PDB file of N, CA and C in Angstrom:
ATOM      1  N   GLN A   1     132.242 102.482 130.472  1.00  0.00           N
ATOM      2  CA  GLN A   1     131.775 103.138 131.663  1.00  0.00           C
ATOM      3  C   GLN A   1     130.399 103.746 131.402  1.00  0.00           C
ATOM      4  N   VAL A   2     129.720 104.058 132.499  1.00  0.00           N
ATOM      5  CA  VAL A   2     128.389 104.643 132.398  1.00  0.00           C
ATOM      6  C   VAL A   2     128.486 106.033 131.776  1.00  0.00           C
ATOM      7  N   GLN A   3     127.671 106.254 130.755  1.00  0.00           N
ATOM      8  CA  GLN A   3     127.580 107.584 130.145  1.00  0.00           C
ATOM      9  C   GLN A   3     126.129 107.976 130.003  1.00  0.00           C
ATOM     10  N   LEU A   4     125.835 109.208 130.371  1.00  0.00           N
ATOM     11  CA  LEU A   4     124.495 109.761 130.280  1.00  0.00           C
ATOM     12  C   LEU A   4     124.597 111.112 129.586  1.00  0.00           C
ATOM     13  N   VAL A   5     123.844 111.285 128.514  1.00  0.00           N
ATOM     14  CA  VAL A   5     123.905 112.525 127.749  1.00  0.00           C
ATOM     15  C   VAL A   5     122.503 113.094 127.596  1.00  0.00           C
ATOM     16  N   GLU A   6     122.278 114.209 128.269  1.00  0.00           N
ATOM     17  CA  GLU A   6     120.970 114.867 128.212  1.00  0.00           C
ATOM     18  C   GLU A   6     120.896 115.804 127.013  1.00  0.00           C
ATOM     19  N   SER A   7     119.680 116.018 126.542  1.00  0.00           N
ATOM     20  CA  SER A   7     119.443 116.968 125.459  1.00  0.00           C
ATOM     21  C   SER A   7     118.007 117.459 125.548  1.00  0.00           C
ATOM     22  N   GLY A   8     117.723 118.514 124.800  1.00  0.00           N
ATOM     23  CA  GLY A   8     116.364 119.022 124.727  1.00  0.00           C
ATOM     24  C   GLY A   8     116.117 120.306 125.499  1.00  0.00           C
ATOM     25  N   GLY A   9     117.076 120.724 126.298  1.00  0.00           N
ATOM     26  CA  GLY A   9     116.889 121.968 127.037  1.00  0.00           C
ATOM     27  C   GLY A   9     116.773 123.156 126.102  1.00  0.00           C
ATOM     28  N   ASP A  10     116.015 124.169 126.549  1.00  0.00           N
ATOM     29  CA  ASP A  10     115.767 125.318 125.678  1.00  0.00           C
ATOM     30  C   ASP A  10     115.180 126.454 126.495  1.00  0.00           C
ATOM     31  N   LEU A  11     115.015 127.600 125.842  1.00  0.00           N
ATOM     32  CA  LEU A  11     114.271 128.719 126.390  1.00  0.00           C
ATOM     33  C   LEU A  11     112.817 128.558 125.953  1.00  0.00           C
ATOM     34  N   VAL A  12     111.909 128.548 126.899  1.00  0.00           N
ATOM     35  CA  VAL A  12     110.501 128.323 126.584  1.00  0.00           C
ATOM     36  C   VAL A  12     109.650 129.319 127.365  1.00  0.00           C
ATOM     37  N   GLN A  13     108.521 129.690 126.796  1.00  0.00           N
ATOM     38  CA  GLN A  13     107.620 130.625 127.466  1.00  0.00           C
ATOM     39  C   GLN A  13     106.827 129.933 128.563  1.00  0.00           C
ATOM     40  N   PRO A  14     106.424 130.677 129.578  1.00  0.00           N
ATOM     41  CA  PRO A  14     105.568 130.080 130.618  1.00  0.00           C
ATOM     42  C   PRO A  14     104.325 129.454 130.007  1.00  0.00           C
ATOM     43  N   GLY A  15     103.969 128.294 130.531  1.00  0.00           N
ATOM     44  CA  GLY A  15     102.825 127.564 130.017  1.00  0.00           C
ATOM     45  C   GLY A  15     103.149 126.626 128.877  1.00  0.00           C
ATOM     46  N   GLY A  16     104.338 126.714 128.359  1.00  0.00           N
ATOM     47  CA  GLY A  16     104.720 125.880 127.220  1.00  0.00           C
ATOM     48  C   GLY A  16     105.213 124.511 127.621  1.00  0.00           C
ATOM     49  N   PRO A  17     105.363 123.618 126.625  1.00  0.00           N
ATOM     50  CA  PRO A  17     105.885 122.275 126.860  1.00  0.00           C
ATOM     51  C   PRO A  17     107.345 122.147 126.418  1.00  0.00           C
ATOM     52  N   LEU A  18     107.978 121.111 126.920  1.00  0.00           N
ATOM     53  CA  LEU A  18     109.338 120.792 126.501  1.00  0.00           C
ATOM     54  C   LEU A  18     109.589 119.338 126.855  1.00  0.00           C
ATOM     55  N   ARG A  19     110.338 118.644 126.029  1.00  0.00           N
ATOM     56  CA  ARG A  19     110.695 117.261 126.332  1.00  0.00           C
ATOM     57  C   ARG A  19     112.206 117.114 126.376  1.00  0.00           C
ATOM     58  N   LEU A  20     112.670 116.588 127.472  1.00  0.00           N
ATOM     59  CA  LEU A  20     114.085 116.298 127.638  1.00  0.00           C
ATOM     60  C   LEU A  20     114.351 114.823 127.366  1.00  0.00           C
ATOM     61  N   SER A  21     115.555 114.547 126.882  1.00  0.00           N
ATOM     62  CA  SER A  21     115.983 113.173 126.644  1.00  0.00           C
ATOM     63  C   SER A  21     117.302 112.922 127.352  1.00  0.00           C
ATOM     64  N   CYS A  22     117.536 111.665 127.702  1.00  0.00           N
ATOM     65  CA  CYS A  22     118.800 111.254 128.309  1.00  0.00           C
ATOM     66  C   CYS A  22     119.212 109.947 127.639  1.00  0.00           C
ATOM     67  N   ALA A  23     120.243 110.011 126.827  1.00  0.00           N
ATOM     68  CA  ALA A  23     120.752 108.820 126.150  1.00  0.00           C
ATOM     69  C   ALA A  23     121.771 108.129 127.045  1.00  0.00           C
ATOM     70  N   ALA A  24     121.538 106.850 127.315  1.00  0.00           N
ATOM     71  CA  ALA A  24     122.385 106.100 128.244  1.00  0.00           C
ATOM     72  C   ALA A  24     123.221 105.060 127.515  1.00  0.00           C
ATOM     73  N   SER A  25     124.421 104.822 128.014  1.00  0.00           N
ATOM     74  CA  SER A  25     125.283 103.789 127.463  1.00  0.00           C
ATOM     75  C   SER A  25     126.242 103.309 128.543  1.00  0.00           C
ATOM     76  N   GLY A  26     126.853 102.156 128.298  1.00  0.00           N
ATOM     77  CA  GLY A  26     127.842 101.624 129.219  1.00  0.00           C
ATOM     78  C   GLY A  26     127.281 100.723 130.302  1.00  0.00           C
ATOM     79  N   PHE A  27     125.988 100.487 130.273  1.00  0.00           N
ATOM     80  CA  PHE A  27     125.362  99.576 131.227  1.00  0.00           C
ATOM     81  C   PHE A  27     124.058  99.071 130.609  1.00  0.00           C
ATOM     82  N   THR A  28     123.491  98.039 131.243  1.00  0.00           N
ATOM     83  CA  THR A  28     122.253  97.454 130.736  1.00  0.00           C
ATOM     84  C   THR A  28     121.091  98.310 131.203  1.00  0.00           C
ATOM     85  N   PHE A  29     120.727  99.256 130.349  1.00  0.00           N
ATOM     86  CA  PHE A  29     119.756 100.290 130.695  1.00  0.00           C
ATOM     87  C   PHE A  29     118.456  99.711 131.245  1.00  0.00           C
ATOM     88  N   SER A  30     117.973  98.634 130.639  1.00  0.00           N
ATOM     89  CA  SER A  30     116.668  98.085 131.005  1.00  0.00           C
ATOM     90  C   SER A  30     116.637  97.459 132.390  1.00  0.00           C
ATOM     91  N   THR A  31     117.786  97.351 133.021  1.00  0.00           N
ATOM     92  CA  THR A  31     117.873  96.703 134.328  1.00  0.00           C
ATOM     93  C   THR A  31     117.723  97.673 135.483  1.00  0.00           C
ATOM     94  N   TYR A  32     117.901  98.973 135.223  1.00  0.00           N
ATOM     95  CA  TYR A  32     118.037  99.929 136.315  1.00  0.00           C
ATOM     96  C   TYR A  32     116.988 101.031 136.302  1.00  0.00           C
ATOM     97  N   GLY A  33     116.548 101.379 137.540  1.00  0.00           N
ATOM     98  CA  GLY A  33     115.721 102.550 137.686  1.00  0.00           C
ATOM     99  C   GLY A  33     116.511 103.816 137.389  1.00  0.00           C
ATOM    100  N   MET A  34     115.798 104.855 136.966  1.00  0.00           N
ATOM    101  CA  MET A  34     116.441 106.099 136.553  1.00  0.00           C
ATOM    102  C   MET A  34     115.715 107.285 137.180  1.00  0.00           C
ATOM    103  N   SER A  35     116.459 108.354 137.381  1.00  0.00           N
ATOM    104  CA  SER A  35     115.891 109.569 137.973  1.00  0.00           C
ATOM    105  C   SER A  35     116.230 110.803 137.140  1.00  0.00           C
ATOM    106  N   TRP A  36     115.403 111.801 137.314  1.00  0.00           N
ATOM    107  CA  TRP A  36     115.717 113.161 136.850  1.00  0.00           C
ATOM    108  C   TRP A  36     115.886 114.040 138.090  1.00  0.00           C
ATOM    109  N   TYR A  37     116.882 114.900 138.041  1.00  0.00           N
ATOM    110  CA  TYR A  37     117.104 115.918 139.048  1.00  0.00           C
ATOM    111  C   TYR A  37     117.211 117.268 138.336  1.00  0.00           C
ATOM    112  N   ARG A  38     117.110 118.334 139.133  1.00  0.00           N
ATOM    113  CA  ARG A  38     117.337 119.660 138.569  1.00  0.00           C
ATOM    114  C   ARG A  38     118.018 120.554 139.599  1.00  0.00           C
ATOM    115  N   GLN A  39     118.746 121.541 139.108  1.00  0.00           N
ATOM    116  CA  GLN A  39     119.391 122.508 139.989  1.00  0.00           C
ATOM    117  C   GLN A  39     119.056 123.913 139.512  1.00  0.00           C
ATOM    118  N   PRO A  40     118.157 124.585 140.237  1.00  0.00           N
ATOM    119  CA  PRO A  40     117.834 125.968 139.887  1.00  0.00           C
ATOM    120  C   PRO A  40     119.029 126.879 140.147  1.00  0.00           C
ATOM    121  N   PRO A  41     119.067 128.037 139.528  1.00  0.00           N
ATOM    122  CA  PRO A  41     120.191 128.963 139.737  1.00  0.00           C
ATOM    123  C   PRO A  41     120.347 129.330 141.202  1.00  0.00           C
ATOM    124  N   GLY A  42     121.538 129.169 141.741  1.00  0.00           N
ATOM    125  CA  GLY A  42     121.821 129.553 143.108  1.00  0.00           C
ATOM    126  C   GLY A  42     121.226 128.656 144.174  1.00  0.00           C
ATOM    127  N   LYS A  43     120.671 127.508 143.770  1.00  0.00           N
ATOM    128  CA  LYS A  43     120.036 126.617 144.742  1.00  0.00           C
ATOM    129  C   LYS A  43     120.646 125.222 144.663  1.00  0.00           C
ATOM    130  N   ASP A  44     120.297 124.395 145.646  1.00  0.00           N
ATOM    131  CA  ASP A  44     120.779 123.025 145.656  1.00  0.00           C
ATOM    132  C   ASP A  44     120.032 122.182 144.618  1.00  0.00           C
ATOM    133  N   ARG A  45     120.682 121.108 144.232  1.00  0.00           N
ATOM    134  CA  ARG A  45     120.035 120.176 143.317  1.00  0.00           C
ATOM    135  C   ARG A  45     118.862 119.497 144.023  1.00  0.00           C
ATOM    136  N   GLU A  46     117.777 119.268 143.275  1.00  0.00           N
ATOM    137  CA  GLU A  46     116.589 118.636 143.849  1.00  0.00           C
ATOM    138  C   GLU A  46     116.091 117.528 142.945  1.00  0.00           C
ATOM    139  N   TRP A  47     115.543 116.527 143.578  1.00  0.00           N
ATOM    140  CA  TRP A  47     114.988 115.392 142.855  1.00  0.00           C
ATOM    141  C   TRP A  47     113.681 115.787 142.171  1.00  0.00           C
ATOM    142  N   VAL A  48     113.476 115.297 140.956  1.00  0.00           N
ATOM    143  CA  VAL A  48     112.279 115.621 140.184  1.00  0.00           C
ATOM    144  C   VAL A  48     111.377 114.406 140.006  1.00  0.00           C
ATOM    145  N   ALA A  49     111.968 113.290 139.551  1.00  0.00           N
ATOM    146  CA  ALA A  49     111.139 112.130 139.242  1.00  0.00           C
ATOM    147  C   ALA A  49     112.005 110.877 139.182  1.00  0.00           C
ATOM    148  N   PHE A  50     111.358 109.733 139.366  1.00  0.00           N
ATOM    149  CA  PHE A  50     112.023 108.430 139.297  1.00  0.00           C
ATOM    150  C   PHE A  50     111.126 107.457 138.551  1.00  0.00           C
ATOM    151  N   ILE A  51     111.751 106.549 137.794  1.00  0.00           N
ATOM    152  CA  ILE A  51     111.007 105.512 137.097  1.00  0.00           C
ATOM    153  C   ILE A  51     111.733 104.192 137.275  1.00  0.00           C
ATOM    154  N   THR A  52     110.979 103.121 137.484  1.00  0.00           N
ATOM    155  CA  THR A  52     111.580 101.806 137.653  1.00  0.00           C
ATOM    156  C   THR A  52     112.113 101.275 136.328  1.00  0.00           C
ATOM    157  N   ASN A  53     112.839 100.184 136.380  1.00  0.00           N
ATOM    158  CA  ASN A  53     113.513  99.668 135.187  1.00  0.00           C
ATOM    159  C   ASN A  53     112.535  99.296 134.074  1.00  0.00           C
ATOM    160  N   ASP A  54     111.333  98.866 134.455  1.00  0.00           N
ATOM    161  CA  ASP A  54     110.354  98.436 133.452  1.00  0.00           C
ATOM    162  C   ASP A  54     109.366  99.539 133.071  1.00  0.00           C
ATOM    163  N   GLY A  55     109.590 100.729 133.596  1.00  0.00           N
ATOM    164  CA  GLY A  55     108.724 101.841 133.225  1.00  0.00           C
ATOM    165  C   GLY A  55     107.495 102.022 134.091  1.00  0.00           C
ATOM    166  N   GLY A  56     107.331 101.164 135.059  1.00  0.00           N
ATOM    167  CA  GLY A  56     106.160 101.268 135.915  1.00  0.00           C
ATOM    168  C   GLY A  56     106.434 102.094 137.156  1.00  0.00           C
ATOM    169  N   ILE A  57     105.384 102.417 137.881  1.00  0.00           N
ATOM    170  CA  ILE A  57     105.439 103.083 139.176  1.00  0.00           C
ATOM    171  C   ILE A  57     106.334 104.323 139.173  1.00  0.00           C
ATOM    172  N   PRO A  58     106.037 105.324 138.328  1.00  0.00           N
ATOM    173  CA  PRO A  58     106.824 106.555 138.404  1.00  0.00           C
ATOM    174  C   PRO A  58     106.479 107.335 139.667  1.00  0.00           C
ATOM    175  N   ASN A  59     107.454 108.074 140.168  1.00  0.00           N
ATOM    176  CA  ASN A  59     107.265 108.931 141.323  1.00  0.00           C
ATOM    177  C   ASN A  59     107.715 110.342 140.964  1.00  0.00           C
ATOM    178  N   TYR A  60     107.026 111.335 141.544  1.00  0.00           N
ATOM    179  CA  TYR A  60     107.301 112.725 141.214  1.00  0.00           C
ATOM    180  C   TYR A  60     107.392 113.584 142.471  1.00  0.00           C
ATOM    181  N   ALA A  61     108.207 114.615 142.360  1.00  0.00           N
ATOM    182  CA  ALA A  61     108.205 115.638 143.390  1.00  0.00           C
ATOM    183  C   ALA A  61     106.865 116.366 143.340  1.00  0.00           C
ATOM    184  N   ASP A  62     106.395 116.814 144.485  1.00  0.00           N
ATOM    185  CA  ASP A  62     105.102 117.501 144.539  1.00  0.00           C
ATOM    186  C   ASP A  62     105.072 118.718 143.613  1.00  0.00           C
ATOM    187  N   SER A  63     106.204 119.370 143.454  1.00  0.00           N
ATOM    188  CA  SER A  63     106.258 120.600 142.666  1.00  0.00           C
ATOM    189  C   SER A  63     106.007 120.375 141.178  1.00  0.00           C
ATOM    190  N   VAL A  64     106.159 119.134 140.703  1.00  0.00           N
ATOM    191  CA  VAL A  64     105.973 118.861 139.273  1.00  0.00           C
ATOM    192  C   VAL A  64     104.853 117.872 138.998  1.00  0.00           C
ATOM    193  N   LYS A  65     104.281 117.305 140.048  1.00  0.00           N
ATOM    194  CA  LYS A  65     103.237 116.297 139.881  1.00  0.00           C
ATOM    195  C   LYS A  65     102.068 116.866 139.094  1.00  0.00           C
ATOM    196  N   GLY A  66     101.617 116.114 138.091  1.00  0.00           N
ATOM    197  CA  GLY A  66     100.518 116.558 137.247  1.00  0.00           C
ATOM    198  C   GLY A  66     100.955 117.375 136.046  1.00  0.00           C
ATOM    199  N   ARG A  67     102.215 117.805 136.016  1.00  0.00           N
ATOM    200  CA  ARG A  67     102.721 118.588 134.890  1.00  0.00           C
ATOM    201  C   ARG A  67     103.842 117.870 134.147  1.00  0.00           C
ATOM    202  N   PHE A  68     104.641 117.096 134.857  1.00  0.00           N
ATOM    203  CA  PHE A  68     105.771 116.385 134.260  1.00  0.00           C
ATOM    204  C   PHE A  68     105.457 114.898 134.178  1.00  0.00           C
ATOM    205  N   THR A  69     105.999 114.260 133.136  1.00  0.00           N
ATOM    206  CA  THR A  69     105.870 112.816 132.971  1.00  0.00           C
ATOM    207  C   THR A  69     107.223 112.220 132.632  1.00  0.00           C
ATOM    208  N   ILE A  70     107.663 111.290 133.456  1.00  0.00           N
ATOM    209  CA  ILE A  70     108.906 110.574 133.186  1.00  0.00           C
ATOM    210  C   ILE A  70     108.565 109.282 132.439  1.00  0.00           C
ATOM    211  N   SER A  71     109.368 108.948 131.461  1.00  0.00           N
ATOM    212  CA  SER A  71     109.146 107.716 130.703  1.00  0.00           C
ATOM    213  C   SER A  71     110.489 107.222 130.168  1.00  0.00           C
ATOM    214  N   ARG A  72     110.467 106.026 129.613  1.00  0.00           N
ATOM    215  CA  ARG A  72     111.705 105.462 129.067  1.00  0.00           C
ATOM    216  C   ARG A  72     111.402 104.552 127.902  1.00  0.00           C
ATOM    217  N   ASP A  73     112.380 104.430 127.017  1.00  0.00           N
ATOM    218  CA  ASP A  73     112.313 103.493 125.910  1.00  0.00           C
ATOM    219  C   ASP A  73     113.530 102.592 126.047  1.00  0.00           C
ATOM    220  N   ASN A  74     113.318 101.406 126.594  1.00  0.00           N
ATOM    221  CA  ASN A  74     114.444 100.512 126.855  1.00  0.00           C
ATOM    222  C   ASN A  74     115.084 100.005 125.562  1.00  0.00           C
ATOM    223  N   ALA A  75     114.324  99.973 124.471  1.00  0.00           N
ATOM    224  CA  ALA A  75     114.894  99.556 123.192  1.00  0.00           C
ATOM    225  C   ALA A  75     115.879 100.595 122.660  1.00  0.00           C
ATOM    226  N   LYS A  76     115.679 101.850 123.064  1.00  0.00           N
ATOM    227  CA  LYS A  76     116.551 102.939 122.598  1.00  0.00           C
ATOM    228  C   LYS A  76     117.518 103.403 123.673  1.00  0.00           C
ATOM    229  N   ASN A  77     117.483 102.764 124.845  1.00  0.00           N
ATOM    230  CA  ASN A  77     118.348 103.169 125.958  1.00  0.00           C
ATOM    231  C   ASN A  77     118.207 104.660 126.263  1.00  0.00           C
ATOM    232  N   THR A  78     116.992 105.119 126.288  1.00  0.00           N
ATOM    233  CA  THR A  78     116.734 106.553 126.461  1.00  0.00           C
ATOM    234  C   THR A  78     115.669 106.805 127.509  1.00  0.00           C
ATOM    235  N   LEU A  79     115.942 107.783 128.335  1.00  0.00           N
ATOM    236  CA  LEU A  79     115.028 108.264 129.362  1.00  0.00           C
ATOM    237  C   LEU A  79     114.469 109.608 128.909  1.00  0.00           C
ATOM    238  N   TYR A  80     113.207 109.872 129.230  1.00  0.00           N
ATOM    239  CA  TYR A  80     112.569 111.114 128.819  1.00  0.00           C
ATOM    240  C   TYR A  80     111.952 111.831 130.008  1.00  0.00           C
ATOM    241  N   LEU A  81     111.769 113.133 129.844  1.00  0.00           N
ATOM    242  CA  LEU A  81     110.989 113.917 130.787  1.00  0.00           C
ATOM    243  C   LEU A  81     110.141 114.880 129.974  1.00  0.00           C
ATOM    244  N   GLN A  82     108.852 114.609 129.924  1.00  0.00           N
ATOM    245  CA  GLN A  82     107.915 115.503 129.262  1.00  0.00           C
ATOM    246  C   GLN A  82     107.446 116.527 130.276  1.00  0.00           C
ATOM    247  N   MET A  83     107.651 117.787 129.968  1.00  0.00           N
ATOM    248  CA  MET A  83     107.306 118.863 130.893  1.00  0.00           C
ATOM    249  C   MET A  83     106.243 119.729 130.239  1.00  0.00           C
ATOM    250  N   ASN A  84     105.109 119.852 130.890  1.00  0.00           N
ATOM    251  CA  ASN A  84     104.001 120.667 130.389  1.00  0.00           C
ATOM    252  C   ASN A  84     103.699 121.793 131.365  1.00  0.00           C
ATOM    253  N   ASN A  85     103.019 122.815 130.867  1.00  0.00           N
ATOM    254  CA  ASN A  85     102.628 123.942 131.710  1.00  0.00           C
ATOM    255  C   ASN A  85     103.811 124.459 132.523  1.00  0.00           C
ATOM    256  N   LEU A  86     104.899 124.733 131.839  1.00  0.00           N
ATOM    257  CA  LEU A  86     106.122 125.141 132.520  1.00  0.00           C
ATOM    258  C   LEU A  86     105.964 126.493 133.210  1.00  0.00           C
ATOM    259  N   LYS A  87     106.617 126.619 134.347  1.00  0.00           N
ATOM    260  CA  LYS A  87     106.581 127.827 135.155  1.00  0.00           C
ATOM    261  C   LYS A  87     107.996 128.386 135.299  1.00  0.00           C
ATOM    262  N   SER A  88     108.081 129.639 135.659  1.00  0.00           N
ATOM    263  CA  SER A  88     109.403 130.255 135.810  1.00  0.00           C
ATOM    264  C   SER A  88     110.246 129.515 136.844  1.00  0.00           C
ATOM    265  N   GLU A  89     109.587 128.973 137.859  1.00  0.00           N
ATOM    266  CA  GLU A  89     110.327 128.248 138.892  1.00  0.00           C
ATOM    267  C   GLU A  89     110.845 126.895 138.431  1.00  0.00           C
ATOM    268  N   ASP A  90     110.502 126.488 137.216  1.00  0.00           N
ATOM    269  CA  ASP A  90     111.072 125.264 136.647  1.00  0.00           C
ATOM    270  C   ASP A  90     112.421 125.527 135.985  1.00  0.00           C
ATOM    271  N   THR A  91     112.817 126.790 135.903  1.00  0.00           N
ATOM    272  CA  THR A  91     114.122 127.123 135.333  1.00  0.00           C
ATOM    273  C   THR A  91     115.224 126.463 136.137  1.00  0.00           C
ATOM    274  N   ALA A  92     116.032 125.659 135.468  1.00  0.00           N
ATOM    275  CA  ALA A  92     117.076 124.898 136.143  1.00  0.00           C
ATOM    276  C   ALA A  92     117.908 124.132 135.119  1.00  0.00           C
ATOM    277  N   LYS A  93     118.996 123.581 135.607  1.00  0.00           N
ATOM    278  CA  LYS A  93     119.771 122.625 134.827  1.00  0.00           C
ATOM    279  C   LYS A  93     119.263 121.238 135.205  1.00  0.00           C
ATOM    280  N   TYR A  94     118.802 120.488 134.214  1.00  0.00           N
ATOM    281  CA  TYR A  94     118.214 119.179 134.445  1.00  0.00           C
ATOM    282  C   TYR A  94     119.220 118.076 134.098  1.00  0.00           C
ATOM    283  N   SER A  95     119.326 117.110 135.001  1.00  0.00           N
ATOM    284  CA  SER A  95     120.275 116.014 134.805  1.00  0.00           C
ATOM    285  C   SER A  95     119.596 114.682 135.061  1.00  0.00           C
ATOM    286  N   CYS A  96     120.012 113.665 134.324  1.00  0.00           N
ATOM    287  CA  CYS A  96     119.544 112.317 134.615  1.00  0.00           C
ATOM    288  C   CYS A  96     120.569 111.609 135.506  1.00  0.00           C
ATOM    289  N   TYR A  97     120.082 110.587 136.204  1.00  0.00           N
ATOM    290  CA  TYR A  97     120.905 109.957 137.247  1.00  0.00           C
ATOM    291  C   TYR A  97     120.550 108.495 137.357  1.00  0.00           C
ATOM    292  N   VAL A  98     121.583 107.674 137.489  1.00  0.00           N
ATOM    293  CA  VAL A  98     121.384 106.245 137.729  1.00  0.00           C
ATOM    294  C   VAL A  98     121.755 105.976 139.173  1.00  0.00           C
ATOM    295  N   PRO A  99     120.807 105.796 140.049  1.00  0.00           N
ATOM    296  CA  PRO A  99     121.126 105.617 141.466  1.00  0.00           C
ATOM    297  C   PRO A  99     122.081 104.456 141.750  1.00  0.00           C
ATOM    298  N   SER A 100     121.929 103.381 141.016  1.00  0.00           N
ATOM    299  CA  SER A 100     122.754 102.203 141.294  1.00  0.00           C
ATOM    300  C   SER A 100     124.227 102.445 141.018  1.00  0.00           C
ATOM    301  N   PHE A 101     124.530 103.358 140.102  1.00  0.00           N
ATOM    302  CA  PHE A 101     125.919 103.652 139.760  1.00  0.00           C
ATOM    303  C   PHE A 101     126.361 105.014 140.273  1.00  0.00           C
ATOM    304  N   ARG A 102     125.425 105.765 140.839  1.00  0.00           N
ATOM    305  CA  ARG A 102     125.713 107.127 141.315  1.00  0.00           C
ATOM    306  C   ARG A 102     126.349 107.944 140.203  1.00  0.00           C
ATOM    307  N   SER A 103     125.804 107.808 139.002  1.00  0.00           N
ATOM    308  CA  SER A 103     126.362 108.494 137.821  1.00  0.00           C
ATOM    309  C   SER A 103     125.411 109.566 137.314  1.00  0.00           C
ATOM    310  N   TRP A 104     126.004 110.687 136.939  1.00  0.00           N
ATOM    311  CA  TRP A 104     125.243 111.829 136.455  1.00  0.00           C
ATOM    312  C   TRP A 104     125.599 112.140 135.006  1.00  0.00           C
ATOM    313  N   GLY A 105     124.632 112.725 134.300  1.00  0.00           N
ATOM    314  CA  GLY A 105     124.926 113.320 133.009  1.00  0.00           C
ATOM    315  C   GLY A 105     125.441 114.731 133.218  1.00  0.00           C
ATOM    316  N   GLN A 106     125.770 115.405 132.101  1.00  0.00           N
ATOM    317  CA  GLN A 106     126.319 116.759 132.206  1.00  0.00           C
ATOM    318  C   GLN A 106     125.226 117.799 132.404  1.00  0.00           C
ATOM    319  N   GLY A 107     123.990 117.417 132.117  1.00  0.00           N
ATOM    320  CA  GLY A 107     122.864 118.318 132.300  1.00  0.00           C
ATOM    321  C   GLY A 107     122.495 119.096 131.053  1.00  0.00           C
ATOM    322  N   THR A 108     121.249 119.576 131.049  1.00  0.00           N
ATOM    323  CA  THR A 108     120.747 120.411 129.960  1.00  0.00           C
ATOM    324  C   THR A 108     119.934 121.547 130.574  1.00  0.00           C
ATOM    325  N   GLN A 109     120.120 122.745 130.063  1.00  0.00           N
ATOM    326  CA  GLN A 109     119.521 123.939 130.674  1.00  0.00           C
ATOM    327  C   GLN A 109     118.113 124.186 130.160  1.00  0.00           C
ATOM    328  N   VAL A 110     117.206 124.369 131.092  1.00  0.00           N
ATOM    329  CA  VAL A 110     115.832 124.753 130.777  1.00  0.00           C
ATOM    330  C   VAL A 110     115.591 126.131 131.389  1.00  0.00           C
ATOM    331  N   THR A 111     115.188 127.061 130.560  1.00  0.00           N
ATOM    332  CA  THR A 111     114.870 128.413 131.025  1.00  0.00           C
ATOM    333  C   THR A 111     113.452 128.747 130.619  1.00  0.00           C
ATOM    334  N   VAL A 112     112.639 129.077 131.617  1.00  0.00           N
ATOM    335  CA  VAL A 112     111.240 129.419 131.379  1.00  0.00           C
ATOM    336  C   VAL A 112     111.088 130.922 131.599  1.00  0.00           C
ATOM    337  N   SER A 113     110.823 131.632 130.521  1.00  0.00           N
ATOM    338  CA  SER A 113     110.752 133.087 130.610  1.00  0.00           C
ATOM    339  C   SER A 113     110.014 133.635 129.399  1.00  0.00           C
ATOM    340  N   SER A 114     109.312 134.734 129.636  1.00  0.00           N
ATOM    341  CA  SER A 114     108.627 135.398 128.526  1.00  0.00           C
ATOM    342  C   SER A 114     109.526 136.482 127.922  1.00  0.00           C
TER     343      SER A 114
END
C-alpha cells in the first residue's frame, strides 16, 4: 500500500532555513505528481506546492512563492521541500500527498519562533 513518511520538521528561528523530506513507497513514485500541504495550529489544511512526476513545472501557493522550493529524487523515491526565510506564519504540520491515490503522510511539525 501507499506509504508516505515525512521527516525534517524542527524548531527554527525566523529567517532560517529548513528542508523537509517525504519518503514514498508502495507505488511507482516516478509516475505521479506530488504535493506538500500544511496545517497551521487551529486552521484548515492548505496547499503549499505541487511538482509533476518528472520534476518539472512546480507550482506554489502565493504565501511561499520565492521562499520555498519543491523537488524530488525519483531514484530515491523521495520528495523534498526546501524552506528559506521562514516566518512565524509558516508554523504548521507539513504533510506530503499523492493526489492520484488521495494518500497522506503522518506529517512533520515545523515551528518558527525566536
